Amino acid sequence: MAFRRTSKTALVAALILSFVYLILGTILVPRLWIEPLGPMLKIWSVMVLNGVSLAIVDDR
């Protein structure tokens, strides 16, 4: 993500990996949704920040 040539690819890959992590985590260990500071709740903010970064990557 640090280099301009690969930043768009890296951000898309991060979004896809986050989504896969969310799906597999829900299927394999659904109790993680119950934890108040659990990883399933934190991943949403990471996905939003990746989406925002992807939206402005061409403007930087």
PDB file of N, CA and C in Angstrom:
ATOM      1  N   MET A   1       0.817  -1.197   0.000  1.00  0.00           N
ATOM      2  CA  MET A   1       0.000   0.000   0.000  1.00  0.00           C
ATOM      3  C   MET A   1       0.857   1.256   0.000  1.00  0.00           C
ATOM      4  N   ALA A   2       2.114   1.098   0.301  1.00  0.00           N
ATOM      5  CA  ALA A   2       2.982   2.260   0.426  1.00  0.00           C
ATOM      6  C   ALA A   2       3.465   2.790  -0.918  1.00  0.00           C
ATOM      7  N   PHE A   3       3.450   1.973  -1.936  1.00  0.00           N
ATOM      8  CA  PHE A   3       3.937   2.398  -3.236  1.00  0.00           C
ATOM      9  C   PHE A   3       2.769   2.640  -4.185  1.00  0.00           C
ATOM     10  N   ARG A   4       2.865   3.689  -4.949  1.00  0.00           N
ATOM     11  CA  ARG A   4       1.764   4.097  -5.819  1.00  0.00           C
ATOM     12  C   ARG A   4       1.385   3.022  -6.839  1.00  0.00           C
ATOM     13  N   ARG A   5       2.363   2.324  -7.383  1.00  0.00           N
ATOM     14  CA  ARG A   5       2.072   1.314  -8.405  1.00  0.00           C
ATOM     15  C   ARG A   5       1.198   0.181  -7.876  1.00  0.00           C
ATOM     16  N   THR A   6       1.442  -0.228  -6.650  1.00  0.00           N
ATOM     17  CA  THR A   6       0.755  -1.400  -6.110  1.00  0.00           C
ATOM     18  C   THR A   6      -0.315  -1.053  -5.081  1.00  0.00           C
ATOM     19  N   SER A   7      -0.551   0.216  -4.824  1.00  0.00           N
ATOM     20  CA  SER A   7      -1.487   0.575  -3.751  1.00  0.00           C
ATOM     21  C   SER A   7      -2.924   0.155  -4.058  1.00  0.00           C
ATOM     22  N   LYS A   8      -3.377   0.343  -5.276  1.00  0.00           N
ATOM     23  CA  LYS A   8      -4.755  -0.025  -5.622  1.00  0.00           C
ATOM     24  C   LYS A   8      -4.951  -1.540  -5.514  1.00  0.00           C
ATOM     25  N   THR A   9      -4.002  -2.301  -6.010  1.00  0.00           N
ATOM     26  CA  THR A   9      -4.076  -3.764  -5.923  1.00  0.00           C
ATOM     27  C   THR A   9      -4.047  -4.227  -4.472  1.00  0.00           C
ATOM     28  N   ALA A  10      -3.196  -3.611  -3.675  1.00  0.00           N
ATOM     29  CA  ALA A  10      -3.084  -3.994  -2.269  1.00  0.00           C
ATOM     30  C   ALA A  10      -4.356  -3.657  -1.495  1.00  0.00           C
ATOM     31  N   LEU A  11      -4.978  -2.542  -1.786  1.00  0.00           N
ATOM     32  CA  LEU A  11      -6.214  -2.169  -1.097  1.00  0.00           C
ATOM     33  C   LEU A  11      -7.370  -3.098  -1.480  1.00  0.00           C
ATOM     34  N   VAL A  12      -7.446  -3.450  -2.744  1.00  0.00           N
ATOM     35  CA  VAL A  12      -8.479  -4.397  -3.175  1.00  0.00           C
ATOM     36  C   VAL A  12      -8.248  -5.758  -2.518  1.00  0.00           C
ATOM     37  N   ALA A  13      -6.991  -6.193  -2.470  1.00  0.00           N
ATOM     38  CA  ALA A  13      -6.664  -7.465  -1.829  1.00  0.00           C
ATOM     39  C   ALA A  13      -6.997  -7.426  -0.341  1.00  0.00           C
ATOM     40  N   ALA A  14      -6.748  -6.301   0.313  1.00  0.00           N
ATOM     41  CA  ALA A  14      -7.069  -6.174   1.731  1.00  0.00           C
ATOM     42  C   ALA A  14      -8.577  -6.251   1.963  1.00  0.00           C
ATOM     43  N   LEU A  15      -9.346  -5.638   1.084  1.00  0.00           N
ATOM     44  CA  LEU A  15     -10.809  -5.719   1.211  1.00  0.00           C
ATOM     45  C   LEU A  15     -11.310  -7.148   1.003  1.00  0.00           C
ATOM     46  N   ILE A  16     -10.771  -7.817   0.016  1.00  0.00           N
ATOM     47  CA  ILE A  16     -11.187  -9.198  -0.246  1.00  0.00           C
ATOM     48  C   ILE A  16     -10.796 -10.111   0.914  1.00  0.00           C
ATOM     49  N   LEU A  17      -9.569  -9.964   1.408  1.00  0.00           N
ATOM     50  CA  LEU A  17      -9.128 -10.785   2.538  1.00  0.00           C
ATOM     51  C   LEU A  17      -9.942 -10.511   3.799  1.00  0.00           C
ATOM     52  N   SER A  18     -10.302  -9.257   4.022  1.00  0.00           N
ATOM     53  CA  SER A  18     -11.129  -8.928   5.183  1.00  0.00           C
ATOM     54  C   SER A  18     -12.506  -9.570   5.075  1.00  0.00           C
ATOM     55  N   PHE A  19     -13.065  -9.540   3.876  1.00  0.00           N
ATOM     56  CA  PHE A  19     -14.376 -10.141   3.656  1.00  0.00           C
ATOM     57  C   PHE A  19     -14.318 -11.657   3.845  1.00  0.00           C
ATOM     58  N   VAL A  20     -13.271 -12.287   3.323  1.00  0.00           N
ATOM     59  CA  VAL A  20     -13.096 -13.737   3.499  1.00  0.00           C
ATOM     60  C   VAL A  20     -12.915 -14.077   4.975  1.00  0.00           C
ATOM     61  N   TYR A  21     -12.130 -13.273   5.689  1.00  0.00           N
ATOM     62  CA  TYR A  21     -11.935 -13.461   7.123  1.00  0.00           C
ATOM     63  C   TYR A  21     -13.266 -13.375   7.866  1.00  0.00           C
ATOM     64  N   LEU A  22     -14.082 -12.421   7.474  1.00  0.00           N
ATOM     65  CA  LEU A  22     -15.388 -12.246   8.098  1.00  0.00           C
ATOM     66  C   LEU A  22     -16.293 -13.447   7.859  1.00  0.00           C
ATOM     67  N   ILE A  23     -16.348 -13.928   6.636  1.00  0.00           N
ATOM     68  CA  ILE A  23     -17.192 -15.082   6.297  1.00  0.00           C
ATOM     69  C   ILE A  23     -16.700 -16.345   6.987  1.00  0.00           C
ATOM     70  N   LEU A  24     -15.408 -16.637   6.865  1.00  0.00           N
ATOM     71  CA  LEU A  24     -14.876 -17.856   7.484  1.00  0.00           C
ATOM     72  C   LEU A  24     -14.960 -17.810   9.007  1.00  0.00           C
ATOM     73  N   GLY A  25     -14.712 -16.659   9.581  1.00  0.00           N
ATOM     74  CA  GLY A  25     -14.827 -16.521  11.029  1.00  0.00           C
ATOM     75  C   GLY A  25     -16.251 -16.727  11.517  1.00  0.00           C
ATOM     76  N   THR A  26     -17.204 -16.249  10.752  1.00  0.00           N
ATOM     77  CA  THR A  26     -18.607 -16.433  11.114  1.00  0.00           C
ATOM     78  C   THR A  26     -19.010 -17.899  11.028  1.00  0.00           C
ATOM     79  N   ILE A  27     -18.514 -18.581  10.022  1.00  0.00           N
ATOM     80  CA  ILE A  27     -18.870 -19.995   9.841  1.00  0.00           C
ATOM     81  C   ILE A  27     -18.167 -20.876  10.875  1.00  0.00           C
ATOM     82  N   LEU A  28     -16.881 -20.656  11.068  1.00  0.00           N
ATOM     83  CA  LEU A  28     -16.091 -21.543  11.921  1.00  0.00           C
ATOM     84  C   LEU A  28     -16.205 -21.237  13.414  1.00  0.00           C
ATOM     85  N   VAL A  29     -16.234 -19.951  13.777  1.00  0.00           N
ATOM     86  CA  VAL A  29     -16.270 -19.566  15.196  1.00  0.00           C
ATOM     87  C   VAL A  29     -17.303 -18.451  15.394  1.00  0.00           C
ATOM     88  N   PRO A  30     -18.585 -18.758  15.344  1.00  0.00           N
ATOM     89  CA  PRO A  30     -19.604 -17.706  15.431  1.00  0.00           C
ATOM     90  C   PRO A  30     -19.668 -17.017  16.795  1.00  0.00           C
ATOM     91  N   ARG A  31     -19.099 -17.619  17.828  1.00  0.00           N
ATOM     92  CA  ARG A  31     -19.152 -16.994  19.148  1.00  0.00           C
ATOM     93  C   ARG A  31     -18.333 -15.706  19.233  1.00  0.00           C
ATOM     94  N   LEU A  32     -17.473 -15.468  18.247  1.00  0.00           N
ATOM     95  CA  LEU A  32     -16.681 -14.235  18.244  1.00  0.00           C
ATOM     96  C   LEU A  32     -17.536 -12.985  18.065  1.00  0.00           C
ATOM     97  N   TRP A  33     -18.748 -13.143  17.534  1.00  0.00           N
ATOM     98  CA  TRP A  33     -19.653 -12.000  17.382  1.00  0.00           C
ATOM     99  C   TRP A  33     -20.180 -11.522  18.729  1.00  0.00           C
ATOM    100  N   ILE A  34     -20.191 -12.390  19.726  1.00  0.00           N
ATOM    101  CA  ILE A  34     -20.747 -12.043  21.037  1.00  0.00           C
ATOM    102  C   ILE A  34     -19.781 -11.182  21.851  1.00  0.00           C
ATOM    103  N   GLU A  35     -18.490 -11.385  21.660  1.00  0.00           N
ATOM    104  CA  GLU A  35     -17.496 -10.656  22.434  1.00  0.00           C
ATOM    105  C   GLU A  35     -17.580  -9.161  22.141  1.00  0.00           C
ATOM    106  N   PRO A  36     -17.626  -8.316  23.185  1.00  0.00           N
ATOM    107  CA  PRO A  36     -17.784  -6.870  22.966  1.00  0.00           C
ATOM    108  C   PRO A  36     -16.608  -6.232  22.221  1.00  0.00           C
ATOM    109  N   LEU A  37     -15.406  -6.717  22.428  1.00  0.00           N
ATOM    110  CA  LEU A  37     -14.242  -6.184  21.719  1.00  0.00           C
ATOM    111  C   LEU A  37     -13.669  -7.223  20.778  1.00  0.00           C
ATOM    112  N   GLY A  38     -14.534  -8.051  20.249  1.00  0.00           N
ATOM    113  CA  GLY A  38     -14.123  -9.160  19.410  1.00  0.00           C
ATOM    114  C   GLY A  38     -13.616  -8.745  18.047  1.00  0.00           C
ATOM    115  N   PRO A  39     -12.896  -9.633  17.399  1.00  0.00           N
ATOM    116  CA  PRO A  39     -12.313  -9.321  16.094  1.00  0.00           C
ATOM    117  C   PRO A  39     -13.347  -9.138  14.989  1.00  0.00           C
ATOM    118  N   MET A  40     -14.514  -9.712  15.138  1.00  0.00           N
ATOM    119  CA  MET A  40     -15.529  -9.568  14.088  1.00  0.00           C
ATOM    120  C   MET A  40     -16.097  -8.152  14.049  1.00  0.00           C
ATOM    121  N   LEU A  41     -16.078  -7.467  15.169  1.00  0.00           N
ATOM    122  CA  LEU A  41     -16.561  -6.084  15.184  1.00  0.00           C
ATOM    123  C   LEU A  41     -15.496  -5.112  14.702  1.00  0.00           C
ATOM    124  N   LYS A  42     -14.239  -5.439  14.953  1.00  0.00           N
ATOM    125  CA  LYS A  42     -13.148  -4.550  14.557  1.00  0.00           C
ATOM    126  C   LYS A  42     -12.910  -4.564  13.054  1.00  0.00           C
ATOM    127  N   ILE A  43     -13.237  -5.638  12.408  1.00  0.00           N
ATOM    128  CA  ILE A  43     -12.925  -5.760  10.983  1.00  0.00           C
ATOM    129  C   ILE A  43     -13.751  -4.777  10.137  1.00  0.00           C
ATOM    130  N   TRP A  44     -14.921  -4.377  10.639  1.00  0.00           N
ATOM    131  CA  TRP A  44     -15.752  -3.438   9.870  1.00  0.00           C
ATOM    132  C   TRP A  44     -15.055  -2.092   9.696  1.00  0.00           C
ATOM    133  N   SER A  45     -14.402  -1.595  10.743  1.00  0.00           N
ATOM    134  CA  SER A  45     -13.712  -0.313  10.621  1.00  0.00           C
ATOM    135  C   SER A  45     -12.517  -0.424   9.678  1.00  0.00           C
ATOM    136  N   VAL A  46     -11.844  -1.549   9.685  1.00  0.00           N
ATOM    137  CA  VAL A  46     -10.727  -1.767   8.766  1.00  0.00           C
ATOM    138  C   VAL A  46     -11.233  -1.777   7.323  1.00  0.00           C
ATOM    139  N   MET A  47     -12.356  -2.418   7.088  1.00  0.00           N
ATOM    140  CA  MET A  47     -12.914  -2.471   5.740  1.00  0.00           C
ATOM    141  C   MET A  47     -13.351  -1.083   5.261  1.00  0.00           C
ATOM    142  N   VAL A  48     -13.923  -0.289   6.144  1.00  0.00           N
ATOM    143  CA  VAL A  48     -14.332   1.074   5.775  1.00  0.00           C
ATOM    144  C   VAL A  48     -13.110   1.924   5.443  1.00  0.00           C
ATOM    145  N   LEU A  49     -12.061   1.829   6.257  1.00  0.00           N
ATOM    146  CA  LEU A  49     -10.850   2.610   5.983  1.00  0.00           C
ATOM    147  C   LEU A  49     -10.181   2.173   4.684  1.00  0.00           C
ATOM    148  N   ASN A  50     -10.194   0.887   4.398  1.00  0.00           N
ATOM    149  CA  ASN A  50      -9.657   0.414   3.115  1.00  0.00           C
ATOM    150  C   ASN A  50     -10.490   0.949   1.959  1.00  0.00           C
ATOM    151  N   GLY A  51     -11.800   0.971   2.121  1.00  0.00           N
ATOM    152  CA  GLY A  51     -12.673   1.503   1.071  1.00  0.00           C
ATOM    153  C   GLY A  51     -12.451   2.984   0.827  1.00  0.00           C
ATOM    154  N   VAL A  52     -12.281   3.741   1.887  1.00  0.00           N
ATOM    155  CA  VAL A  52     -12.014   5.178   1.747  1.00  0.00           C
ATOM    156  C   VAL A  52     -10.656   5.391   1.086  1.00  0.00           C
ATOM    157  N   SER A  53      -9.675   4.637   1.506  1.00  0.00           N
ATOM    158  CA  SER A  53      -8.346   4.754   0.893  1.00  0.00           C
ATOM    159  C   SER A  53      -8.385   4.387  -0.587  1.00  0.00           C
ATOM    160  N   LEU A  54      -9.159   3.386  -0.920  1.00  0.00           N
ATOM    161  CA  LEU A  54      -9.302   2.983  -2.320  1.00  0.00           C
ATOM    162  C   LEU A  54      -9.993   4.075  -3.137  1.00  0.00           C
ATOM    163  N   ALA A  55     -10.932   4.788  -2.510  1.00  0.00           N
ATOM    164  CA  ALA A  55     -11.641   5.845  -3.229  1.00  0.00           C
ATOM    165  C   ALA A  55     -10.750   7.061  -3.519  1.00  0.00           C
ATOM    166  N   ILE A  56      -9.778   7.311  -2.661  1.00  0.00           N
ATOM    167  CA  ILE A  56      -8.941   8.506  -2.854  1.00  0.00           C
ATOM    168  C   ILE A  56      -7.535   8.189  -3.355  1.00  0.00           C
ATOM    169  N   VAL A  57      -7.268   6.936  -3.695  1.00  0.00           N
ATOM    170  CA  VAL A  57      -5.916   6.557  -4.099  1.00  0.00           C
ATOM    171  C   VAL A  57      -5.467   7.275  -5.371  1.00  0.00           C
ATOM    172  N   ASP A  58      -6.367   7.580  -6.260  1.00  0.00           N
ATOM    173  CA  ASP A  58      -5.998   8.266  -7.498  1.00  0.00           C
ATOM    174  C   ASP A  58      -5.763   9.757  -7.294  1.00  0.00           C
ATOM    175  N   ASP A  59      -6.293  10.320  -6.218  1.00  0.00           N
ATOM    176  CA  ASP A  59      -6.158  11.752  -5.955  1.00  0.00           C
ATOM    177  C   ASP A  59      -4.864  12.127  -5.245  1.00  0.00           C
ATOM    178  N   ARG A  60      -4.173  11.159  -4.717  1.00  0.00           N
ATOM    179  CA  ARG A  60      -2.966  11.508  -3.950  1.00  0.00           C
ATOM    180  C   ARG A  60      -1.765  11.662  -4.822  1.00  0.00           C
TER     181      ARG A  60
END
